[in-house]
Protein backbone atom coordinates (compact mmCIF):
# COMPACT_ATOMS: atom_id res chain seq x y z
CA MET A 1 -2.55 -25.59 -64.04
CA THR A 2 1.14 -26.09 -64.69
CA ASP A 3 3.75 -23.43 -64.03
CA VAL A 4 4.18 -22.71 -67.75
CA ASN A 5 0.41 -22.38 -68.17
CA SER A 6 0.23 -19.87 -65.32
CA ARG A 7 3.09 -17.89 -66.90
CA ILE A 8 1.28 -17.93 -70.25
CA GLU A 9 -1.98 -16.88 -68.58
CA THR A 10 -0.16 -13.98 -66.89
CA GLU A 11 1.23 -12.83 -70.25
CA ILE A 12 -2.17 -13.08 -71.95
CA GLN A 13 -3.83 -11.04 -69.20
CA SER A 14 -1.04 -8.42 -69.09
CA GLN A 15 -2.29 -6.41 -72.07
CA ASP A 16 -5.36 -6.21 -74.34
CA VAL A 17 -3.49 -7.60 -77.35
CA VAL A 18 -0.68 -10.14 -76.91
CA VAL A 19 1.24 -11.90 -79.66
CA PHE A 20 3.38 -14.94 -78.96
CA MET A 21 5.93 -14.54 -81.74
CA LYS A 22 9.41 -15.33 -82.95
CA GLY A 23 11.41 -12.21 -82.22
CA THR A 24 10.05 -8.89 -81.01
CA PRO A 25 7.55 -6.43 -82.50
CA GLN A 26 10.50 -4.24 -83.53
CA PHE A 27 12.61 -7.16 -84.84
CA PRO A 28 10.46 -10.13 -85.91
CA MET A 29 12.56 -13.24 -86.54
CA CYS A 30 10.19 -14.89 -89.04
CA GLY A 31 7.97 -13.67 -91.85
CA PHE A 32 4.74 -14.80 -90.22
CA SER A 33 5.48 -12.97 -86.98
CA GLY A 34 6.48 -9.95 -89.07
CA GLN A 35 3.16 -9.99 -90.93
CA VAL A 36 1.13 -10.04 -87.71
CA ALA A 37 3.21 -7.20 -86.25
CA GLN A 38 2.81 -5.22 -89.48
CA ILE A 39 -0.98 -5.64 -89.44
CA LEU A 40 -1.31 -4.57 -85.80
CA ASN A 41 1.07 -1.64 -86.32
CA TYR A 42 -0.90 -0.56 -89.41
CA LEU A 43 -4.08 -0.62 -87.33
CA GLY A 44 -2.34 1.43 -84.64
CA VAL A 45 -3.07 -1.21 -82.01
CA PRO A 46 -0.63 -1.36 -79.11
CA PHE A 47 0.35 -4.96 -78.43
CA LYS A 48 2.75 -6.95 -76.35
CA GLY A 49 5.07 -9.33 -78.14
CA VAL A 50 6.26 -12.41 -76.24
CA ASN A 51 9.44 -13.71 -77.87
CA VAL A 52 9.14 -17.51 -77.82
CA LEU A 53 12.74 -17.84 -79.03
CA GLU A 54 13.93 -16.67 -75.60
CA ASP A 55 12.03 -19.33 -73.65
CA MET A 56 11.62 -22.87 -74.99
CA GLU A 57 9.15 -23.71 -72.21
CA ILE A 58 6.85 -20.90 -73.36
CA ARG A 59 7.45 -21.82 -77.03
CA GLU A 60 6.23 -25.37 -76.52
CA GLY A 61 3.75 -24.52 -73.77
CA ILE A 62 1.79 -21.99 -75.84
CA LYS A 63 1.12 -24.64 -78.49
CA ALA A 64 -0.39 -26.97 -75.89
CA TYR A 65 -2.20 -24.12 -74.12
CA SER A 66 -4.01 -23.00 -77.28
CA GLN A 67 -4.09 -26.38 -78.98
CA TRP A 68 -2.67 -24.53 -82.00
CA PRO A 69 0.57 -25.91 -83.50
CA THR A 70 2.17 -22.78 -84.93
CA ILE A 71 3.66 -19.44 -83.93
CA PRO A 72 2.68 -16.58 -83.99
CA GLN A 73 -0.45 -16.70 -81.87
CA VAL A 74 -2.64 -13.64 -81.35
CA TYR A 75 -4.74 -13.07 -78.23
CA VAL A 76 -7.26 -10.23 -77.85
CA LYS A 77 -8.60 -9.54 -74.34
CA GLY A 78 -7.50 -13.01 -73.29
CA GLU A 79 -9.21 -14.75 -76.23
CA PHE A 80 -7.20 -16.75 -78.78
CA VAL A 81 -7.77 -15.29 -82.25
CA GLY A 82 -5.43 -17.40 -84.38
CA GLY A 83 -2.14 -17.41 -86.18
CA CYS A 84 -0.79 -15.41 -89.09
CA ASP A 85 -3.15 -16.71 -91.81
CA ILE A 86 -6.29 -16.21 -89.73
CA THR A 87 -5.16 -12.76 -88.56
CA ARG A 88 -4.35 -11.71 -92.14
CA GLU A 89 -7.67 -13.03 -93.49
CA MET A 90 -9.60 -11.32 -90.70
CA PHE A 91 -7.73 -8.06 -91.39
CA GLN A 92 -8.44 -8.23 -95.13
CA SER A 93 -12.15 -8.90 -94.58
CA GLY A 94 -12.50 -6.27 -91.84
CA GLU A 95 -13.33 -8.89 -89.19
CA LEU A 96 -10.21 -8.10 -87.18
CA GLN A 97 -11.08 -4.41 -86.98
CA GLN A 98 -14.64 -5.35 -85.99
CA LEU A 99 -13.39 -7.74 -83.27
CA LEU A 100 -11.05 -5.10 -81.88
CA SER A 101 -13.87 -2.53 -81.88
CA GLU A 102 -16.24 -4.95 -80.14
CA LYS A 103 -13.59 -5.56 -77.47
CA GLY A 104 -13.18 -1.81 -76.95
CA ILE A 105 -9.75 -1.55 -78.57
CA ALA A 106 -9.34 1.52 -80.73
CA THR A 107 -7.69 1.37 -84.14
CA SER A 108 -6.23 4.23 -86.12
CA THR A 109 -8.49 6.12 -88.53
CA ALA A 110 -6.30 5.02 -91.46
CA ALA A 111 -7.51 1.47 -90.85
CA ALA A 112 -11.22 2.27 -91.02
């Protein structure tokens, strides 16, 4: 495992929900990252945002790590879920809430 992969692995394991994104959860720097943050905030799910704009090695490394070409990337309990489109579709269908529940991650009652 390369150094960047071990850094990515450490980030993914650091919290139940981790989003590799452009910007921060409070200040997303692209619309797709903003949508993912908005969905998770709506669900009341605490998550860690990793700002790929601050570290080009992480920005490129996460794409190779996940074999997924775009940012943002959502991880739940260490498992890659997908990017913005997949996260949004899962949210709209209720699959995201179900996945979070199955992984033991509580969502707010407003999201039920």
